[in-house]
Amino acid sequence: MFRIELVLIDVLMFAAVMLFLKEVAPRVGIHFDLATAFAVLPIYIVLAFNWGAYSAPALERTIESIRRSLTALVIAQISVVAILFFIKTADDTSRLSFGVSALSIVGAFTLSRAAFGLRVRRRSGGRLWNELLMIDGVLLKRMPRNTQVVRTSQLQLEPDLHNPDMLHRFGLIAQQFDRVLIASAPERHGEWAIMLKGADVDGEIIIEQSNKLGAIGLSHFDGYDTLQISRKPLNLRARFQKRALDLAVAIPLLIALLPLLAVVALAIKLDSRGPVLFKQARVGRGNRLFQILKFRSMCVEQLDATGARSASRDDDRVTRVGRFIRATSLDELPQLFNVLLGDMSLVGPRPHALGSLAGERKFWEVDRTYWQRHQLKPGITGLAQIRGFRGATHEPSDLTSRLQADMEYIQGWDIWRDVSILMNTFRVIVHRNAY
């Protein structure tokens, strides 16, 4: 919330200073170029995210906030000057006007960031982040202050890795907090560690001594030592980039594909009775469940709500139109609406149905780290898909290869990799395993 406020304050402060100068400058004989001055703003916003002007360190320390903000602002101003020079309009721009606006906004941002720092400290009461401590069957020597504390028994919550509903509930709770800590018996640390790693949360476990949980760091909480078990894989700038790419591609694509969507919907309706769309619960980001949208490709009376039976090459449940849209991946197009709703991304680990099997075992029974693949939003396409890992999972190895690709994608995420995966997806839209 503080981050959103700070972005709005920067935009409003910039606009206020520029509009003020537009009114005052002519009265003292200065020609003020409002358009050139405002050209700095979009460049500044992009650079401010890149330089961490809205990051946790900036919110925690006023000096750091001012330094990062002014760095982004000065570079944005220099960039505008360089652009004016290269398009040969620099001579038409008043140097005095630009200099006055540049110095004014530097001073205004310094004051606004300092005032915002004071406001944050007063509102947060010295504790900036929203923290949750979950106590699982242990007694703590002292209870922390200014931290929400719940006992897992009150929530009927267990670290049960064989219960998707339990992970879903844990994910719903965890997403409301900046930091989640677990206090439990040592023998339950392993299960809680996996719960935290898959919940897309900054998670820690309170410890008495070191252990082997795949910790990524040592931290402290109210006098206790903690192991940092998980951290959100994408920072604010990366999340902004990924969401911007999703919307920039999904919205024009949906508009362009509307006639095709209508034709497919009509064909499904004429081919067999039942709804055009098929909805199914899938595991999404943070192990939270969501309803995925697909064009219905099977007879309505044979639909599989849990996905326990994978489609086969000669599946008798698939309709005539269904066979075509599955082979060409047209059945996946309604997931663009899931992207707009924020349940999915264009690129990410493919979301699985709760009943999916690798051989005779459920996915999470094959590998407990399966739940960690849900640190990011699920995608319409992904690294595993462009490598050809799609279709039925007849053997545990079919799942393992996909899981390895998903974790490789999460750990090495980059916006340009998303672009590359989208481009390469066109090569595998029609695939021998698409049935």
Protein backbone atom coordinates (compact mmCIF):
# COMPACT_ATOMS: atom_id res chain seq x y z
CA MET A 1 0.00 0.00 0.00
CA PHE A 2 2.84 2.39 0.87
CA ARG A 3 4.41 1.71 -2.52
CA ILE A 4 1.22 2.64 -4.38
CA GLU A 5 0.90 5.81 -2.33
CA LEU A 6 4.47 6.78 -3.10
CA VAL A 7 3.99 6.33 -6.86
CA LEU A 8 0.85 8.49 -6.73
CA ILE A 9 2.63 11.15 -4.66
CA ASP A 10 5.47 11.32 -7.18
CA VAL A 11 3.06 11.71 -10.11
CA LEU A 12 0.89 14.29 -8.34
CA MET A 13 3.90 16.25 -7.08
CA PHE A 14 5.41 16.35 -10.57
CA ALA A 15 2.12 17.50 -12.11
CA ALA A 16 1.58 20.15 -9.42
CA VAL A 17 5.06 21.64 -9.85
CA MET A 18 4.80 21.72 -13.65
CA LEU A 19 1.34 23.33 -13.64
CA PHE A 20 2.50 25.87 -11.06
CA LEU A 21 5.50 26.82 -13.20
CA LYS A 22 3.29 27.12 -16.27
CA GLU A 23 1.25 29.76 -14.48
CA VAL A 24 4.13 31.61 -12.83
CA ALA A 25 6.87 31.51 -15.50
CA PRO A 26 5.21 33.89 -18.04
CA ARG A 27 4.75 36.50 -15.30
CA VAL A 28 8.51 36.75 -14.83
CA GLY A 29 9.27 36.68 -18.54
CA ILE A 30 10.13 32.96 -18.93
CA HIS A 31 8.64 30.90 -21.74
CA PHE A 32 7.71 27.59 -20.13
CA ASP A 33 7.50 24.48 -22.36
CA LEU A 34 5.02 22.26 -20.51
CA ALA A 35 5.18 19.39 -23.03
CA THR A 36 8.96 19.05 -22.74
CA ALA A 37 8.80 19.21 -18.96
CA PHE A 38 6.17 16.47 -18.81
CA ALA A 39 8.24 14.24 -21.11
CA VAL A 40 10.45 13.58 -18.09
CA LEU A 41 7.65 11.90 -16.08
CA PRO A 42 7.18 8.55 -17.89
CA ILE A 43 10.95 8.08 -18.17
CA TYR A 44 11.30 8.84 -14.47
CA ILE A 45 8.64 6.31 -13.45
CA VAL A 46 10.34 3.52 -15.40
CA LEU A 47 13.77 4.42 -14.02
CA ALA A 48 12.41 4.81 -10.49
CA PHE A 49 11.21 1.19 -10.54
CA ASN A 50 14.55 0.09 -11.99
CA TRP A 51 16.57 2.00 -9.39
CA GLY A 52 14.44 0.73 -6.50
CA ALA A 53 12.89 4.10 -5.60
CA TYR A 54 9.76 2.19 -4.51
CA SER A 55 11.59 -0.79 -2.98
CA ALA A 56 11.68 -1.92 0.64
CA PRO A 57 14.99 -0.13 1.42
CA ALA A 58 13.52 3.10 0.05
CA LEU A 59 10.45 2.77 2.26
CA GLU A 60 12.53 1.92 5.31
CA ARG A 61 15.14 4.70 5.02
CA THR A 62 14.30 8.26 3.97
CA ILE A 63 17.83 9.06 2.80
CA GLU A 64 17.82 5.98 0.58
CA SER A 65 14.40 6.97 -0.77
CA ILE A 66 15.61 10.46 -1.69
CA ARG A 67 18.87 9.20 -3.19
CA ARG A 68 17.23 6.62 -5.45
CA SER A 69 14.45 8.97 -6.49
CA LEU A 70 16.78 11.84 -7.40
CA THR A 71 19.11 9.48 -9.27
CA ALA A 72 16.21 8.32 -11.44
CA LEU A 73 14.97 11.89 -11.86
CA VAL A 74 18.33 13.33 -12.97
CA ILE A 75 18.89 10.49 -15.45
CA ALA A 76 15.37 11.03 -16.83
CA GLN A 77 16.07 14.74 -17.29
CA ILE A 78 19.38 14.04 -19.04
CA SER A 79 17.60 11.50 -21.27
CA VAL A 80 15.06 14.11 -22.38
CA VAL A 81 17.86 16.57 -23.20
CA ALA A 82 19.63 13.87 -25.23
CA ILE A 83 16.42 13.05 -27.13
CA LEU A 84 15.83 16.73 -27.94
CA PHE A 85 19.39 17.00 -29.21
CA PHE A 86 19.14 13.95 -31.48
CA ILE A 87 15.82 15.00 -33.00
CA LYS A 88 17.32 18.48 -33.49
CA THR A 89 14.75 20.42 -31.50
CA ALA A 90 17.02 21.38 -28.62
CA ASP A 91 17.43 24.91 -30.00
CA ASP A 92 13.65 25.40 -29.84
CA THR A 93 13.56 24.58 -26.12
CA SER A 94 14.22 27.25 -23.53
CA ARG A 95 17.27 26.24 -21.49
CA LEU A 96 16.17 28.52 -18.67
CA SER A 97 12.70 27.00 -18.67
CA PHE A 98 14.04 23.46 -18.58
CA GLY A 99 16.61 24.32 -15.92
CA VAL A 100 14.02 25.95 -13.66
CA SER A 101 11.67 22.98 -13.99
CA ALA A 102 14.50 20.51 -13.35
CA LEU A 103 15.68 22.25 -10.17
CA SER A 104 12.11 22.78 -8.96
CA ILE A 105 11.15 19.15 -9.27
CA VAL A 106 14.38 18.03 -7.58
CA GLY A 107 13.56 20.23 -4.61
CA ALA A 108 9.92 19.17 -4.56
CA PHE A 109 10.78 15.46 -4.65
CA THR A 110 13.32 15.88 -1.86
CA LEU A 111 10.71 17.51 0.39
CA SER A 112 7.88 15.12 -0.54
CA ARG A 113 10.04 12.02 0.04
CA ALA A 114 11.20 13.36 3.41
CA ALA A 115 7.60 14.09 4.45
CA PHE A 116 6.46 10.68 3.24
CA GLY A 117 9.20 9.00 5.30
CA LEU A 118 7.88 10.70 8.45
CA ARG A 119 4.33 9.66 7.60
CA VAL A 120 5.33 6.03 7.06
CA ARG A 121 7.10 5.85 10.43
CA ARG A 122 4.12 7.37 12.24
CA ARG A 123 1.56 5.10 10.57
CA SER A 124 3.59 1.93 10.93
CA GLY A 125 4.47 2.53 14.57
CA GLY A 126 8.06 1.54 13.89
CA ARG A 127 7.10 -1.77 12.24
CA LEU A 128 6.79 -1.22 8.53
CA TRP A 129 5.85 -4.70 7.35
CA ASN A 130 2.71 -6.69 8.00
CA GLU A 131 3.87 -9.85 9.79
CA LEU A 132 2.13 -13.09 10.73
CA LEU A 133 3.42 -15.63 13.25
CA MET A 134 1.80 -19.07 13.03
CA ILE A 135 2.34 -21.31 16.06
CA ASP A 136 2.01 -25.02 15.46
CA GLY A 137 1.82 -26.93 18.75
CA VAL A 138 4.77 -25.32 20.56
CA LEU A 139 5.14 -22.86 23.41
CA LEU A 140 7.21 -19.72 22.95
CA LYS A 141 9.11 -18.22 25.88
CA ARG A 142 7.81 -14.78 24.98
CA MET A 143 5.15 -13.53 22.61
CA PRO A 144 6.08 -10.85 20.06
CA ARG A 145 4.58 -7.39 19.96
CA ASN A 146 3.00 -5.64 16.97
CA THR A 147 2.71 -8.95 15.13
CA GLN A 148 -0.43 -10.91 14.36
CA VAL A 149 -0.21 -14.29 16.06
CA VAL A 150 -2.43 -17.29 15.30
CA ARG A 151 -2.34 -20.92 16.33
CA THR A 152 -2.68 -23.36 13.47
CA SER A 153 -5.09 -25.43 15.55
CA GLN A 154 -7.51 -22.48 15.59
CA LEU A 155 -7.44 -22.38 11.80
CA GLN A 156 -7.56 -26.19 11.51
CA LEU A 157 -4.41 -25.85 9.45
CA GLU A 158 -1.80 -28.58 9.06
CA PRO A 159 1.35 -28.83 6.89
CA ASP A 160 -0.31 -31.62 4.91
CA LEU A 161 1.40 -31.87 1.52
CA HIS A 162 -1.16 -34.40 0.30
CA ASN A 163 -4.10 -32.04 0.75
CA PRO A 164 -4.41 -29.38 -1.98
CA ASP A 165 -7.23 -27.67 -0.09
CA MET A 166 -4.89 -27.21 2.90
CA LEU A 167 -2.23 -25.60 0.72
CA HIS A 168 -4.90 -23.43 -0.89
CA ARG A 169 -6.06 -22.16 2.51
CA PHE A 170 -2.49 -21.54 3.64
CA GLY A 171 -1.83 -19.59 0.42
CA LEU A 172 -4.92 -17.43 0.96
CA ILE A 173 -3.76 -16.53 4.46
CA ALA A 174 -0.10 -15.99 3.53
CA GLN A 175 -0.81 -13.62 0.62
CA GLN A 176 -2.18 -11.03 3.04
CA PHE A 177 1.18 -10.57 4.80
CA ASP A 178 4.64 -9.27 3.90
CA ARG A 179 6.36 -11.79 6.15
CA VAL A 180 5.15 -15.14 7.47
CA LEU A 181 6.91 -16.94 10.32
CA ILE A 182 6.33 -20.48 11.55
CA ALA A 183 7.03 -21.80 15.04
CA SER A 184 6.69 -25.58 15.15
CA ALA A 185 8.30 -28.77 16.41
CA PRO A 186 11.56 -29.59 14.53
CA GLU A 187 10.10 -32.72 12.97
CA ARG A 188 7.46 -30.60 11.20
CA HIS A 189 9.91 -28.01 9.87
CA GLY A 190 10.37 -29.86 6.58
CA GLU A 191 6.67 -29.79 5.68
CA TRP A 192 6.28 -26.15 6.70
CA ALA A 193 9.35 -25.24 4.64
CA ILE A 194 7.74 -26.67 1.50
CA MET A 195 4.47 -24.90 2.32
CA LEU A 196 6.34 -21.59 2.57
CA LYS A 197 8.42 -22.14 -0.56
CA GLY A 198 5.31 -22.72 -2.66
CA ALA A 199 3.18 -19.93 -1.21
CA ASP A 200 4.91 -17.03 -3.03
CA VAL A 201 5.72 -15.40 0.32
CA ASP A 202 8.70 -14.19 2.31
CA GLY A 203 8.74 -17.01 4.84
CA GLU A 204 10.85 -17.92 7.85
CA ILE A 205 10.95 -20.67 10.47
CA ILE A 206 11.88 -19.96 14.08
CA ILE A 207 14.66 -22.31 15.14
CA GLU A 208 16.62 -23.39 18.17
CA GLN A 209 19.52 -24.60 16.06
CA SER A 210 20.54 -24.96 12.44
CA ASN A 211 18.89 -27.60 10.24
CA LYS A 212 18.75 -28.80 6.63
CA LEU A 213 15.70 -27.11 5.16
CA GLY A 214 17.29 -25.43 2.17
CA ALA A 215 17.37 -22.10 4.01
CA ILE A 216 18.46 -19.07 1.98
CA GLY A 217 19.62 -16.99 4.93
CA LEU A 218 19.64 -16.39 8.67
CA SER A 219 17.48 -13.66 10.17
CA HIS A 220 16.01 -12.52 13.49
CA PHE A 221 12.52 -11.94 14.84
CA ASP A 222 11.77 -10.40 18.21
CA GLY A 223 14.81 -12.01 19.85
CA TYR A 224 14.45 -15.35 18.06
CA ASP A 225 16.74 -16.72 15.38
CA THR A 226 14.97 -17.62 12.15
CA LEU A 227 15.89 -19.41 8.95
CA GLN A 228 14.81 -17.59 5.82
CA ILE A 229 13.08 -20.36 3.92
CA SER A 230 11.46 -18.56 1.02
CA ARG A 231 11.42 -15.25 -0.77
CA LYS A 232 9.12 -13.99 -3.49
CA PRO A 233 10.85 -14.88 -6.75
CA LEU A 234 10.03 -11.54 -8.40
CA ASN A 235 10.62 -8.09 -6.95
CA LEU A 236 8.25 -5.17 -7.53
CA ARG A 237 9.95 -4.07 -10.75
CA ALA A 238 9.89 -7.60 -12.18
CA ARG A 239 6.22 -8.09 -11.25
CA PHE A 240 5.42 -4.77 -12.93
CA GLN A 241 7.28 -5.82 -16.10
CA LYS A 242 5.61 -9.23 -16.25
CA ARG A 243 2.11 -7.84 -15.72
CA ALA A 244 2.71 -5.08 -18.29
CA LEU A 245 3.78 -7.68 -20.86
CA ASP A 246 0.70 -9.80 -20.10
CA LEU A 247 -1.68 -6.90 -20.66
CA ALA A 248 0.21 -5.49 -23.65
CA VAL A 249 -0.11 -8.83 -25.46
CA ALA A 250 -3.38 -10.27 -24.12
CA ILE A 251 -5.64 -7.25 -24.75
CA PRO A 252 -4.75 -6.72 -28.45
CA LEU A 253 -4.70 -10.49 -28.99
CA LEU A 254 -8.20 -10.91 -27.57
CA ILE A 255 -9.52 -8.09 -29.74
CA ALA A 256 -7.89 -9.58 -32.86
CA LEU A 257 -9.12 -13.10 -32.07
CA LEU A 258 -12.74 -12.22 -31.27
CA PRO A 259 -14.02 -13.43 -34.67
CA LEU A 260 -12.11 -16.72 -34.26
CA LEU A 261 -13.40 -17.15 -30.71
CA ALA A 262 -16.95 -16.65 -31.97
CA VAL A 263 -16.49 -19.22 -34.77
CA VAL A 264 -15.04 -21.82 -32.38
CA ALA A 265 -17.84 -21.21 -29.86
CA LEU A 266 -20.47 -21.64 -32.59
CA ALA A 267 -18.84 -24.84 -33.85
CA ILE A 268 -18.81 -26.33 -30.35
CA LYS A 269 -22.47 -25.43 -29.83
CA LEU A 270 -23.52 -26.99 -33.15
CA ASP A 271 -21.39 -30.12 -32.68
CA SER A 272 -22.62 -31.25 -29.25
CA ARG A 273 -24.96 -30.17 -26.51
CA GLY A 274 -23.63 -28.42 -23.41
CA PRO A 275 -21.80 -25.21 -22.49
CA VAL A 276 -19.18 -23.68 -24.78
CA LEU A 277 -16.68 -23.16 -21.97
CA PHE A 278 -15.24 -25.75 -19.61
CA LYS A 279 -14.26 -24.61 -16.10
CA GLN A 280 -12.00 -26.59 -13.82
CA ALA A 281 -10.21 -25.97 -10.52
CA ARG A 282 -6.47 -25.70 -11.08
CA VAL A 283 -3.54 -24.97 -8.77
CA GLY A 284 -2.35 -21.39 -9.24
CA ARG A 285 0.16 -19.01 -7.71
CA GLY A 286 0.88 -19.59 -4.05
CA ASN A 287 -0.86 -23.00 -4.33
CA ARG A 288 -4.19 -21.14 -4.38
CA LEU A 289 -6.95 -22.67 -6.49
CA PHE A 290 -8.62 -20.83 -9.37
CA GLN A 291 -11.08 -21.67 -12.16
CA ILE A 292 -9.37 -22.13 -15.51
CA LEU A 293 -11.33 -21.41 -18.70
CA LYS A 294 -11.07 -23.60 -21.81
CA PHE A 295 -13.24 -24.31 -24.80
CA ARG A 296 -15.16 -27.52 -24.10
CA SER A 297 -13.66 -30.33 -26.17
CA MET A 298 -15.39 -33.35 -24.59
CA CYS A 299 -18.93 -34.64 -24.37
CA VAL A 300 -20.62 -32.87 -21.49
CA GLU A 301 -21.70 -36.09 -19.74
CA GLN A 302 -18.09 -37.36 -19.73
CA LEU A 303 -16.35 -34.24 -18.46
CA ASP A 304 -13.73 -34.92 -15.78
CA ALA A 305 -13.95 -32.26 -13.06
CA THR A 306 -10.74 -33.32 -11.30
CA GLY A 307 -8.64 -34.28 -14.32
CA ALA A 308 -7.91 -37.74 -12.93
CA ARG A 309 -8.01 -39.23 -16.43
CA SER A 310 -5.66 -37.65 -18.96
CA ALA A 311 -6.78 -37.32 -22.53
CA SER A 312 -5.38 -40.03 -24.81
CA ARG A 313 -4.79 -40.09 -28.57
CA ASP A 314 -8.03 -41.99 -29.34
CA ASP A 315 -10.04 -40.71 -26.37
CA ASP A 316 -13.73 -41.52 -26.87
CA ARG A 317 -14.75 -38.54 -24.71
CA VAL A 318 -13.45 -35.98 -27.23
CA THR A 319 -15.94 -34.53 -29.72
CA ARG A 320 -15.23 -34.00 -33.43
CA VAL A 321 -14.69 -30.25 -32.95
CA GLY A 322 -12.88 -30.98 -29.71
CA ARG A 323 -10.32 -33.14 -31.48
CA PHE A 324 -9.50 -30.29 -33.87
CA ILE A 325 -9.26 -27.52 -31.28
CA ARG A 326 -7.10 -29.68 -29.01
CA ALA A 327 -4.72 -30.57 -31.84
CA THR A 328 -4.37 -26.88 -32.76
CA SER A 329 -4.39 -25.60 -29.12
CA LEU A 330 -7.44 -23.44 -29.89
CA ASP A 331 -9.10 -24.85 -26.76
CA GLU A 332 -6.60 -22.85 -24.68
CA LEU A 333 -7.60 -19.41 -26.05
CA PRO A 334 -10.19 -18.56 -23.32
CA GLN A 335 -7.28 -18.57 -20.86
CA LEU A 336 -6.52 -15.08 -22.18
CA PHE A 337 -9.45 -14.02 -19.98
CA ASN A 338 -7.72 -15.71 -17.02
CA VAL A 339 -4.69 -13.54 -17.84
CA LEU A 340 -6.80 -10.37 -17.81
CA LEU A 341 -8.33 -11.39 -14.47
CA GLY A 342 -4.85 -11.88 -13.02
CA ASP A 343 -5.21 -15.60 -12.28
CA MET A 344 -2.70 -16.53 -14.98
CA SER A 345 0.19 -15.08 -16.93
CA LEU A 346 1.04 -15.58 -20.59
CA VAL A 347 4.20 -17.45 -19.57
CA GLY A 348 4.68 -19.64 -16.51
CA PRO A 349 4.35 -23.20 -15.24
CA ARG A 350 1.26 -24.83 -16.73
CA PRO A 351 -1.55 -25.22 -14.14
CA HIS A 352 -2.51 -28.79 -13.34
CA ALA A 353 -5.83 -30.29 -12.32
CA LEU A 354 -6.10 -31.67 -8.79
CA GLY A 355 -6.52 -35.26 -9.95
CA SER A 356 -3.60 -35.31 -12.40
CA LEU A 357 -1.59 -38.52 -12.29
CA ALA A 358 1.96 -39.43 -13.27
CA GLY A 359 1.54 -43.13 -13.86
CA GLU A 360 -0.57 -44.25 -10.91
CA ARG A 361 0.51 -41.52 -8.47
CA LYS A 362 -0.63 -37.96 -8.00
CA PHE A 363 1.88 -35.31 -8.97
CA TRP A 364 2.78 -34.29 -5.42
CA GLU A 365 3.28 -37.91 -4.44
CA VAL A 366 5.97 -38.27 -7.09
CA ASP A 367 7.96 -35.27 -5.84
CA ARG A 368 7.16 -33.20 -2.73
CA THR A 369 8.86 -30.16 -4.26
CA TYR A 370 6.04 -30.14 -6.84
CA TRP A 371 4.30 -27.45 -4.77
CA GLN A 372 7.26 -25.08 -5.20
CA ARG A 373 6.52 -24.66 -8.91
CA HIS A 374 3.60 -22.44 -7.96
CA GLN A 375 5.70 -19.50 -6.79
CA LEU A 376 4.70 -17.68 -9.99
CA LYS A 377 1.39 -17.36 -11.79
CA PRO A 378 0.64 -20.32 -14.04
CA GLY A 379 1.02 -19.65 -17.74
CA ILE A 380 -0.77 -20.39 -21.00
CA THR A 381 2.63 -21.48 -22.25
CA GLY A 382 5.96 -22.12 -20.58
CA LEU A 383 9.50 -23.36 -20.83
CA ALA A 384 8.37 -26.98 -20.47
CA GLN A 385 5.89 -26.61 -23.32
CA ILE A 386 8.34 -25.20 -25.87
CA ARG A 387 10.69 -28.06 -25.00
CA GLY A 388 7.97 -30.50 -26.00
CA PHE A 389 6.92 -31.63 -22.51
CA ARG A 390 3.16 -31.76 -22.99
CA GLY A 391 0.40 -34.32 -23.26
CA ALA A 392 -0.33 -37.19 -20.89
CA THR A 393 2.07 -38.08 -18.05
CA HIS A 394 2.20 -41.86 -18.36
CA GLU A 395 5.34 -42.21 -16.25
CA PRO A 396 6.75 -40.31 -13.23
CA SER A 397 9.64 -39.22 -15.47
CA ASP A 398 7.15 -37.32 -17.65
CA LEU A 399 6.37 -35.13 -14.65
CA THR A 400 9.98 -34.84 -13.50
CA SER A 401 11.15 -33.36 -16.80
CA ARG A 402 8.39 -30.74 -16.66
CA LEU A 403 9.08 -29.94 -13.03
CA GLN A 404 12.76 -29.39 -13.76
CA ALA A 405 11.91 -27.01 -16.61
CA ASP A 406 9.43 -25.12 -14.41
CA MET A 407 11.95 -24.63 -11.59
CA GLU A 408 14.62 -23.56 -14.10
CA TYR A 409 12.18 -20.94 -15.42
CA ILE A 410 11.30 -19.64 -11.94
CA GLN A 411 14.88 -19.43 -10.71
CA GLY A 412 16.16 -17.75 -13.86
CA TRP A 413 13.20 -15.51 -14.67
CA ASP A 414 13.85 -12.64 -17.05
CA ILE A 415 11.39 -10.53 -19.05
CA TRP A 416 13.25 -11.26 -22.28
CA ARG A 417 12.98 -14.97 -21.59
CA ASP A 418 9.21 -14.53 -21.44
CA VAL A 419 9.32 -12.80 -24.83
CA SER A 420 11.48 -15.62 -26.23
CA ILE A 421 9.11 -18.30 -24.91
CA LEU A 422 6.13 -16.51 -26.45
CA MET A 423 7.88 -16.36 -29.82
CA ASN A 424 8.88 -20.02 -29.66
CA THR A 425 5.37 -21.08 -28.67
CA PHE A 426 4.21 -20.59 -32.25
CA ARG A 427 6.47 -23.51 -33.23
CA VAL A 428 4.65 -25.96 -30.96
CA ILE A 429 1.02 -24.82 -31.25
CA VAL A 430 0.45 -27.92 -33.35
CA HIS A 431 2.26 -30.78 -31.60
CA ARG A 432 2.18 -34.57 -31.81
CA ASN A 433 1.27 -34.73 -28.07
CA ALA A 434 -1.62 -32.27 -28.40
CA TYR A 435 -4.70 -34.52 -28.26
